[in-house]
Amino acid sequence: MARGSEIANLKVRDIRNVTYNKVTGYRVLFTTTKTREDGRSVFIDPSYNMTCPVYWLSRLLSERKKKEVSGEMLFGDIDTKSISGMLQRVAAAMKWEGNFTSHSLRIGGASEAVLQGMPRATIQLLGDWSSDAVDRYFKSSVDFGKKVTKEMGL
């Protein structure tokens, strides 16, 4: 649930393979964020499925090393505009309608966390929300739930 600017500014040195509570994953250091000048650190644990962030991050780091990619930026020279462009191209290829931007990743992460029953305080912490802005994701998920129930005739 990182902001597009936080993703774009990640450096290779900001990623550390660590073991926490007997689980091996990655510690990601966001050196500067919208709400914290001193940055924040997030532990990413494996999900062991096809979208596992630990697997894909390991693969990215391995490919960078194998191909001797230079430069300190984890994803190369990108910004929020280029992230938005990538998402728009994927959406177009999938024939999805909508206005997709780098913020869509943040919205999608928060909305899915709500649907999976993650507590509000945890989502607020993971997304680094310092305000009640996180509440809009709870509302949209509740509305979505009501719509599904109605469409099911219940």
Protein backbone atom coordinates (compact mmCIF):
# COMPACT_ATOMS: atom_id res chain seq x y z
CA MET A 1 0.00 0.00 0.00
CA ALA A 2 2.91 2.28 -0.68
CA ARG A 3 2.45 5.55 -2.51
CA GLY A 4 3.59 5.70 -6.13
CA SER A 5 6.31 8.19 -5.21
CA GLU A 6 7.58 5.82 -2.50
CA ILE A 7 7.77 2.93 -4.98
CA ALA A 8 9.49 5.07 -7.61
CA ASN A 9 12.11 6.25 -5.10
CA LEU A 10 13.10 2.80 -3.80
CA LYS A 11 16.79 2.02 -4.04
CA VAL A 12 18.34 -1.44 -4.10
CA ARG A 13 19.99 -0.71 -0.74
CA ASP A 14 16.52 -0.05 0.76
CA ILE A 15 15.66 -3.76 0.42
CA ARG A 16 17.04 -6.25 2.96
CA ASN A 17 16.42 -9.98 3.22
CA VAL A 18 15.56 -10.62 6.87
CA THR A 19 14.09 -13.28 9.13
CA TYR A 20 11.48 -12.09 11.60
CA ASN A 21 9.66 -14.49 13.95
CA LYS A 22 11.10 -17.44 11.96
CA VAL A 23 9.69 -16.06 8.69
CA THR A 24 12.09 -14.98 5.95
CA GLY A 25 11.00 -12.02 3.88
CA TYR A 26 12.14 -8.51 3.03
CA ARG A 27 12.44 -5.33 5.03
CA VAL A 28 11.65 -2.40 2.77
CA LEU A 29 12.84 1.01 3.90
CA PHE A 30 10.93 3.95 2.49
CA THR A 31 13.49 6.66 3.24
CA THR A 32 11.06 9.55 2.87
CA THR A 33 7.28 9.49 2.88
CA LYS A 34 4.49 12.02 2.59
CA THR A 35 3.83 11.87 6.33
CA ARG A 36 7.26 10.99 7.78
CA GLU A 37 10.48 12.82 7.02
CA ASP A 38 12.47 10.07 8.75
CA GLY A 39 10.85 7.38 6.59
CA ARG A 40 9.32 4.07 7.55
CA SER A 41 10.19 0.41 7.40
CA VAL A 42 7.84 -2.41 6.36
CA PHE A 43 8.35 -6.18 6.65
CA ILE A 44 7.04 -8.09 3.64
CA ASP A 45 6.37 -11.74 4.38
CA PRO A 46 5.80 -14.49 1.82
CA SER A 47 2.29 -15.48 0.76
CA TYR A 48 3.44 -18.56 -1.19
CA ASN A 49 1.04 -17.95 -4.07
CA MET A 50 1.52 -16.72 -7.64
CA THR A 51 1.45 -13.05 -6.59
CA CYS A 52 3.84 -13.54 -3.65
CA PRO A 53 5.73 -10.24 -3.25
CA VAL A 54 8.72 -12.00 -1.68
CA TYR A 55 9.06 -14.32 -4.68
CA TRP A 56 8.80 -11.48 -7.22
CA LEU A 57 11.14 -9.19 -5.30
CA SER A 58 13.68 -12.03 -5.03
CA ARG A 59 13.35 -12.62 -8.75
CA LEU A 60 13.81 -8.93 -9.56
CA LEU A 61 16.94 -8.70 -7.40
CA SER A 62 18.32 -11.92 -8.90
CA GLU A 63 17.71 -10.73 -12.48
CA ARG A 64 19.34 -7.36 -11.74
CA LYS A 65 22.41 -9.17 -10.42
CA LYS A 66 22.52 -11.73 -13.24
CA LYS A 67 22.23 -9.05 -15.92
CA GLU A 68 24.62 -6.77 -14.05
CA VAL A 69 22.12 -3.92 -13.98
CA SER A 70 23.81 -0.82 -12.65
CA GLY A 71 22.22 2.08 -10.87
CA GLU A 72 20.91 2.42 -7.39
CA MET A 73 17.20 2.73 -8.23
CA LEU A 74 15.34 -0.56 -7.70
CA PHE A 75 12.96 -0.06 -10.63
CA GLY A 76 15.19 2.16 -12.74
CA ASP A 77 14.23 5.64 -13.84
CA ILE A 78 10.49 5.73 -13.10
CA ASP A 79 8.08 8.16 -11.51
CA THR A 80 4.36 8.16 -10.67
CA LYS A 81 3.50 9.15 -14.24
CA SER A 82 5.36 6.17 -15.72
CA ILE A 83 3.78 3.82 -13.13
CA SER A 84 0.36 5.16 -14.15
CA GLY A 85 1.24 4.61 -17.81
CA MET A 86 2.21 0.98 -17.15
CA LEU A 87 -1.06 0.36 -15.30
CA GLN A 88 -3.07 1.99 -18.10
CA ARG A 89 -1.39 -0.22 -20.71
CA VAL A 90 -2.13 -3.36 -18.68
CA ALA A 91 -5.74 -2.24 -18.13
CA ALA A 92 -6.17 -1.56 -21.86
CA ALA A 93 -4.72 -4.98 -22.74
CA MET A 94 -7.18 -6.57 -20.29
CA LYS A 95 -10.01 -4.41 -21.71
CA TRP A 96 -10.70 -2.91 -18.27
CA GLU A 97 -12.40 0.46 -18.18
CA GLY A 98 -11.45 3.11 -15.67
CA ASN A 99 -8.92 5.75 -14.81
CA PHE A 100 -5.90 3.80 -13.57
CA THR A 101 -3.05 5.68 -11.89
CA SER A 102 -0.22 4.82 -9.52
CA HIS A 103 -2.70 5.54 -6.73
CA SER A 104 -4.79 2.59 -7.97
CA LEU A 105 -2.21 0.24 -6.42
CA ARG A 106 -2.71 1.91 -3.04
CA ILE A 107 -6.50 1.93 -3.36
CA GLY A 108 -6.54 -1.71 -4.46
CA GLY A 109 -4.32 -2.83 -1.60
CA ALA A 110 -6.40 -1.04 1.02
CA SER A 111 -9.71 -2.23 -0.45
CA GLU A 112 -8.55 -5.85 -0.62
CA ALA A 113 -7.27 -5.66 2.97
CA VAL A 114 -10.72 -4.45 4.08
CA LEU A 115 -12.46 -7.24 2.16
CA GLN A 116 -10.15 -9.79 3.80
CA GLY A 117 -11.14 -8.48 7.25
CA MET A 118 -7.91 -6.71 8.18
CA PRO A 119 -8.46 -4.29 11.09
CA ARG A 120 -8.62 -0.58 10.29
CA ALA A 121 -5.65 0.23 12.55
CA THR A 122 -3.45 -2.29 10.71
CA ILE A 123 -4.43 -0.94 7.30
CA GLN A 124 -3.80 2.62 8.47
CA LEU A 125 -0.35 1.61 9.73
CA LEU A 126 0.61 -0.36 6.61
CA GLY A 127 -0.55 2.41 4.30
CA ASP A 128 1.07 5.11 6.42
CA TRP A 129 -2.15 7.11 6.67
CA SER A 130 -1.93 9.76 9.35
CA SER A 131 -5.50 10.93 8.83
CA ASP A 132 -8.91 9.35 8.56
CA ALA A 133 -8.50 9.19 4.76
CA VAL A 134 -8.22 5.41 5.16
CA ASP A 135 -11.92 5.34 6.12
CA ARG A 136 -13.03 5.89 2.51
CA TYR A 137 -11.77 2.38 1.68
CA PHE A 138 -13.90 0.90 4.44
CA LYS A 139 -16.97 2.73 3.14
CA SER A 140 -16.46 1.62 -0.45
CA SER A 141 -15.98 -1.99 0.68
CA VAL A 142 -19.13 -1.88 2.80
CA ASP A 143 -21.06 -0.41 -0.15
CA PHE A 144 -19.63 -3.12 -2.39
CA GLY A 145 -20.79 -5.77 0.09
CA LYS A 146 -24.30 -4.34 0.16
CA LYS A 147 -24.45 -4.27 -3.62
CA VAL A 148 -23.44 -7.92 -3.88
CA THR A 149 -26.03 -8.95 -1.30
CA LYS A 150 -28.75 -7.02 -3.14
CA GLU A 151 -27.73 -8.48 -6.49
CA MET A 152 -27.93 -11.96 -4.98
CA GLY A 153 -31.54 -11.25 -4.00
CA LEU A 154 -30.85 -11.57 -0.27
